[in-house]
Amino acid sequence: MGNLLIRDVPEVLKGALSKAARRNHRSLSEQAKIMLTQSVSAQESLSPKAELSTFELIRASFGEERPTDELHDAYLKDLECARKSGFERSVPELE
């Protein structure tokens, strides 16, 4: 394991960390390691996975009722058709 030195910790933060360490019967270093581990774990669980596409992230939020790849392809096809449909309009004559 490596060492970590954190400089210029605000007194309020150090005091809160010391209080938590005393309450949990831990050393200041042990309490700091536990709290850092919990914080990093929480951040990782909230961060989207870089390897997932935006569609996959959105689809995952629907749980078991998420759309299939075929439905996604149909949505994209409909969207593309709707986007291109405006190009067939006639241009109005300007006076």
N, C-alpha and C. Protein backbone atom coordinates (compact mmCIF):
# COMPACT_ATOMS: atom_id res chain seq x y z
N MET A 1 0.83 -1.19 0.00
CA MET A 1 0.00 0.00 0.00
C MET A 1 0.87 1.24 0.00
N GLY A 2 0.32 2.27 -0.61
CA GLY A 2 1.05 3.53 -0.66
C GLY A 2 0.62 4.48 0.44
N ASN A 3 1.34 5.55 0.57
CA ASN A 3 1.01 6.59 1.54
C ASN A 3 0.41 7.77 0.82
N LEU A 4 -0.40 8.53 1.54
CA LEU A 4 -1.05 9.71 0.98
C LEU A 4 -0.95 10.82 2.01
N LEU A 5 -0.41 11.94 1.61
CA LEU A 5 -0.31 13.10 2.49
C LEU A 5 -1.22 14.18 1.92
N ILE A 6 -2.14 14.65 2.72
CA ILE A 6 -3.05 15.71 2.28
C ILE A 6 -2.73 16.95 3.09
N ARG A 7 -2.34 18.00 2.40
CA ARG A 7 -1.96 19.25 3.05
C ARG A 7 -3.13 20.24 3.08
N ASP A 8 -3.04 21.17 3.99
CA ASP A 8 -3.98 22.29 4.10
C ASP A 8 -5.43 21.84 4.23
N VAL A 9 -5.68 20.86 5.09
CA VAL A 9 -7.04 20.41 5.37
C VAL A 9 -7.70 21.45 6.27
N PRO A 10 -8.86 21.97 5.89
CA PRO A 10 -9.53 22.96 6.74
C PRO A 10 -9.80 22.38 8.13
N GLU A 11 -9.66 23.21 9.15
CA GLU A 11 -9.84 22.77 10.53
C GLU A 11 -11.23 22.18 10.76
N VAL A 12 -12.23 22.75 10.11
CA VAL A 12 -13.59 22.24 10.27
C VAL A 12 -13.68 20.80 9.77
N LEU A 13 -13.08 20.53 8.63
CA LEU A 13 -13.09 19.18 8.08
C LEU A 13 -12.30 18.22 8.96
N LYS A 14 -11.14 18.66 9.42
CA LYS A 14 -10.31 17.82 10.29
C LYS A 14 -11.05 17.53 11.59
N GLY A 15 -11.74 18.53 12.12
CA GLY A 15 -12.51 18.34 13.35
C GLY A 15 -13.64 17.33 13.16
N ALA A 16 -14.35 17.44 12.05
CA ALA A 16 -15.44 16.51 11.77
C ALA A 16 -14.91 15.09 11.60
N LEU A 17 -13.77 14.97 10.94
CA LEU A 17 -13.14 13.67 10.75
C LEU A 17 -12.69 13.08 12.08
N SER A 18 -12.11 13.92 12.94
CA SER A 18 -11.68 13.48 14.28
C SER A 18 -12.88 13.02 15.11
N LYS A 19 -13.97 13.78 15.05
CA LYS A 19 -15.17 13.43 15.79
C LYS A 19 -15.72 12.09 15.32
N ALA A 20 -15.75 11.88 14.01
CA ALA A 20 -16.23 10.60 13.46
C ALA A 20 -15.32 9.45 13.88
N ALA A 21 -14.01 9.70 13.90
CA ALA A 21 -13.06 8.67 14.31
C ALA A 21 -13.28 8.28 15.78
N ARG A 22 -13.46 9.26 16.64
CA ARG A 22 -13.70 8.97 18.06
C ARG A 22 -15.02 8.21 18.25
N ARG A 23 -16.04 8.65 17.55
CA ARG A 23 -17.36 8.02 17.65
C ARG A 23 -17.31 6.56 17.22
N ASN A 24 -16.48 6.25 16.21
CA ASN A 24 -16.38 4.89 15.69
C ASN A 24 -15.21 4.10 16.28
N HIS A 25 -14.54 4.69 17.26
CA HIS A 25 -13.40 4.04 17.93
C HIS A 25 -12.32 3.64 16.92
N ARG A 26 -11.97 4.59 16.08
CA ARG A 26 -10.94 4.37 15.07
C ARG A 26 -9.89 5.47 15.18
N SER A 27 -8.74 5.20 14.56
CA SER A 27 -7.73 6.25 14.45
C SER A 27 -8.18 7.24 13.38
N LEU A 28 -7.59 8.40 13.39
CA LEU A 28 -7.90 9.41 12.38
C LEU A 28 -7.59 8.89 10.99
N SER A 29 -6.46 8.21 10.83
CA SER A 29 -6.07 7.67 9.52
C SER A 29 -7.05 6.60 9.05
N GLU A 30 -7.45 5.71 9.96
CA GLU A 30 -8.38 4.64 9.59
C GLU A 30 -9.73 5.22 9.18
N GLN A 31 -10.21 6.21 9.93
CA GLN A 31 -11.49 6.84 9.59
C GLN A 31 -11.40 7.55 8.25
N ALA A 32 -10.29 8.22 8.00
CA ALA A 32 -10.11 8.92 6.72
C ALA A 32 -10.11 7.92 5.56
N LYS A 33 -9.44 6.78 5.72
CA LYS A 33 -9.42 5.76 4.66
C LYS A 33 -10.82 5.22 4.39
N ILE A 34 -11.57 4.97 5.45
CA ILE A 34 -12.92 4.44 5.28
C ILE A 34 -13.82 5.45 4.57
N MET A 35 -13.73 6.71 5.00
CA MET A 35 -14.57 7.73 4.38
C MET A 35 -14.18 8.00 2.93
N LEU A 36 -12.89 7.97 2.64
CA LEU A 36 -12.45 8.12 1.25
C LEU A 36 -12.94 6.96 0.39
N THR A 37 -12.86 5.75 0.92
CA THR A 37 -13.34 4.58 0.19
C THR A 37 -14.83 4.69 -0.09
N GLN A 38 -15.60 5.09 0.91
CA GLN A 38 -17.05 5.24 0.72
C GLN A 38 -17.36 6.32 -0.32
N SER A 39 -16.63 7.41 -0.26
CA SER A 39 -16.87 8.50 -1.20
C SER A 39 -16.53 8.10 -2.64
N VAL A 40 -15.40 7.43 -2.81
CA VAL A 40 -15.01 6.99 -4.15
C VAL A 40 -16.00 5.97 -4.69
N SER A 41 -16.43 5.04 -3.85
CA SER A 41 -17.41 4.03 -4.27
C SER A 41 -18.72 4.68 -4.69
N ALA A 42 -19.16 5.67 -3.92
CA ALA A 42 -20.41 6.36 -4.26
C ALA A 42 -20.27 7.11 -5.58
N GLN A 43 -19.14 7.76 -5.80
CA GLN A 43 -18.92 8.49 -7.05
C GLN A 43 -18.90 7.55 -8.24
N GLU A 44 -18.24 6.40 -8.08
CA GLU A 44 -18.16 5.43 -9.19
C GLU A 44 -19.53 4.87 -9.52
N SER A 45 -20.38 4.68 -8.52
CA SER A 45 -21.70 4.13 -8.80
C SER A 45 -22.60 5.15 -9.48
N LEU A 46 -22.32 6.44 -9.30
CA LEU A 46 -23.12 7.48 -9.94
C LEU A 46 -22.62 7.84 -11.33
N SER A 47 -21.37 7.57 -11.61
CA SER A 47 -20.79 7.94 -12.89
C SER A 47 -21.21 6.97 -13.97
N PRO A 48 -21.61 7.51 -15.15
CA PRO A 48 -21.94 6.61 -16.25
C PRO A 48 -20.70 5.87 -16.73
N LYS A 49 -20.88 4.67 -17.18
CA LYS A 49 -19.77 3.89 -17.69
C LYS A 49 -19.39 4.41 -19.08
N ALA A 50 -18.12 4.68 -19.28
CA ALA A 50 -17.64 5.27 -20.52
C ALA A 50 -17.87 4.36 -21.71
N GLU A 51 -17.89 3.04 -21.49
CA GLU A 51 -18.02 2.12 -22.62
C GLU A 51 -19.46 1.99 -23.12
N LEU A 52 -20.45 2.55 -22.41
CA LEU A 52 -21.84 2.48 -22.84
C LEU A 52 -22.19 3.68 -23.71
N SER A 53 -23.01 3.43 -24.73
CA SER A 53 -23.48 4.53 -25.57
C SER A 53 -24.58 5.28 -24.83
N THR A 54 -24.93 6.44 -25.31
CA THR A 54 -25.99 7.23 -24.69
C THR A 54 -27.29 6.44 -24.71
N PHE A 55 -27.57 5.79 -25.84
CA PHE A 55 -28.80 4.99 -25.93
C PHE A 55 -28.80 3.88 -24.89
N GLU A 56 -27.67 3.20 -24.71
CA GLU A 56 -27.60 2.12 -23.73
C GLU A 56 -27.82 2.64 -22.31
N LEU A 57 -27.28 3.83 -22.01
CA LEU A 57 -27.49 4.42 -20.68
C LEU A 57 -28.95 4.77 -20.47
N ILE A 58 -29.60 5.34 -21.49
CA ILE A 58 -31.01 5.68 -21.37
C ILE A 58 -31.84 4.41 -21.27
N ARG A 59 -31.52 3.43 -22.09
CA ARG A 59 -32.26 2.17 -22.08
C ARG A 59 -32.14 1.48 -20.72
N ALA A 60 -30.97 1.54 -20.11
CA ALA A 60 -30.76 0.92 -18.81
C ALA A 60 -31.62 1.56 -17.73
N SER A 61 -31.95 2.83 -17.88
CA SER A 61 -32.75 3.51 -16.87
C SER A 61 -34.20 3.03 -16.86
N PHE A 62 -34.64 2.33 -17.91
CA PHE A 62 -36.00 1.81 -17.98
C PHE A 62 -36.15 0.47 -17.27
N GLY A 63 -35.06 -0.12 -16.82
CA GLY A 63 -35.13 -1.41 -16.13
C GLY A 63 -35.57 -2.52 -17.07
N GLU A 64 -36.51 -3.33 -16.63
CA GLU A 64 -36.97 -4.47 -17.43
C GLU A 64 -37.81 -4.06 -18.63
N GLU A 65 -38.37 -2.87 -18.60
CA GLU A 65 -39.25 -2.43 -19.68
C GLU A 65 -38.51 -1.61 -20.73
N ARG A 66 -37.25 -1.86 -20.89
CA ARG A 66 -36.46 -1.08 -21.83
C ARG A 66 -36.70 -1.53 -23.27
N PRO A 67 -36.58 -0.59 -24.21
CA PRO A 67 -36.80 -0.92 -25.62
C PRO A 67 -35.71 -1.82 -26.18
N THR A 68 -36.07 -2.58 -27.17
CA THR A 68 -35.13 -3.49 -27.82
C THR A 68 -34.29 -2.73 -28.84
N ASP A 69 -33.26 -3.37 -29.35
CA ASP A 69 -32.44 -2.77 -30.41
C ASP A 69 -33.28 -2.53 -31.66
N GLU A 70 -34.21 -3.46 -31.96
CA GLU A 70 -35.06 -3.30 -33.14
C GLU A 70 -35.95 -2.06 -33.01
N LEU A 71 -36.50 -1.86 -31.80
CA LEU A 71 -37.33 -0.69 -31.56
C LEU A 71 -36.49 0.58 -31.67
N HIS A 72 -35.27 0.54 -31.17
CA HIS A 72 -34.37 1.68 -31.29
C HIS A 72 -34.11 2.00 -32.75
N ASP A 73 -33.84 0.97 -33.55
CA ASP A 73 -33.60 1.18 -34.99
C ASP A 73 -34.83 1.78 -35.66
N ALA A 74 -36.02 1.33 -35.27
CA ALA A 74 -37.26 1.88 -35.83
C ALA A 74 -37.42 3.35 -35.44
N TYR A 75 -37.11 3.68 -34.17
CA TYR A 75 -37.16 5.08 -33.73
C TYR A 75 -36.23 5.95 -34.57
N LEU A 76 -35.00 5.47 -34.77
CA LEU A 76 -34.04 6.25 -35.56
C LEU A 76 -34.50 6.42 -37.00
N LYS A 77 -35.07 5.37 -37.57
CA LYS A 77 -35.57 5.45 -38.95
C LYS A 77 -36.71 6.45 -39.05
N ASP A 78 -37.66 6.40 -38.10
CA ASP A 78 -38.77 7.36 -38.08
C ASP A 78 -38.26 8.78 -37.88
N LEU A 79 -37.30 8.94 -37.01
CA LEU A 79 -36.74 10.26 -36.76
C LEU A 79 -36.07 10.81 -38.01
N GLU A 80 -35.31 9.98 -38.70
CA GLU A 80 -34.63 10.40 -39.92
C GLU A 80 -35.64 10.77 -41.01
N CYS A 81 -36.70 9.98 -41.14
CA CYS A 81 -37.75 10.29 -42.12
C CYS A 81 -38.43 11.61 -41.80
N ALA A 82 -38.72 11.83 -40.53
CA ALA A 82 -39.36 13.09 -40.12
C ALA A 82 -38.44 14.27 -40.36
N ARG A 83 -37.15 14.07 -40.11
CA ARG A 83 -36.18 15.14 -40.32
C ARG A 83 -36.07 15.51 -41.79
N LYS A 84 -36.12 14.52 -42.66
CA LYS A 84 -35.97 14.77 -44.09
C LYS A 84 -37.28 15.20 -44.76
N SER A 85 -38.40 15.00 -44.09
CA SER A 85 -39.69 15.28 -44.72
C SER A 85 -39.87 16.76 -45.06
N GLY A 86 -39.24 17.64 -44.34
CA GLY A 86 -39.39 19.06 -44.61
C GLY A 86 -38.73 19.52 -45.89
N PHE A 87 -37.86 18.72 -46.48
CA PHE A 87 -37.14 19.11 -47.68
C PHE A 87 -38.01 19.02 -48.94
N GLU A 88 -39.15 18.33 -48.86
CA GLU A 88 -40.01 18.19 -50.05
C GLU A 88 -41.00 19.35 -50.21
N ARG A 89 -41.02 20.27 -49.27
CA ARG A 89 -41.94 21.39 -49.37
C ARG A 89 -41.52 22.32 -50.50
N SER A 90 -42.52 22.91 -51.10
CA SER A 90 -42.19 23.87 -52.16
C SER A 90 -41.77 25.19 -51.53
N VAL A 91 -40.93 25.87 -52.24
CA VAL A 91 -40.45 27.16 -51.77
C VAL A 91 -41.46 28.23 -52.16
N PRO A 92 -41.93 29.02 -51.20
CA PRO A 92 -42.92 30.04 -51.56
C PRO A 92 -42.28 31.12 -52.40
N GLU A 93 -43.11 31.69 -53.30
CA GLU A 93 -42.61 32.78 -54.13
C GLU A 93 -42.64 34.07 -53.35
N LEU A 94 -41.58 34.80 -53.45
CA LEU A 94 -41.50 36.09 -52.78
C LEU A 94 -41.72 37.19 -53.80
N GLU A 95 -42.44 38.19 -53.39
CA GLU A 95 -42.71 39.29 -54.33
C GLU A 95 -41.63 40.31 -54.33
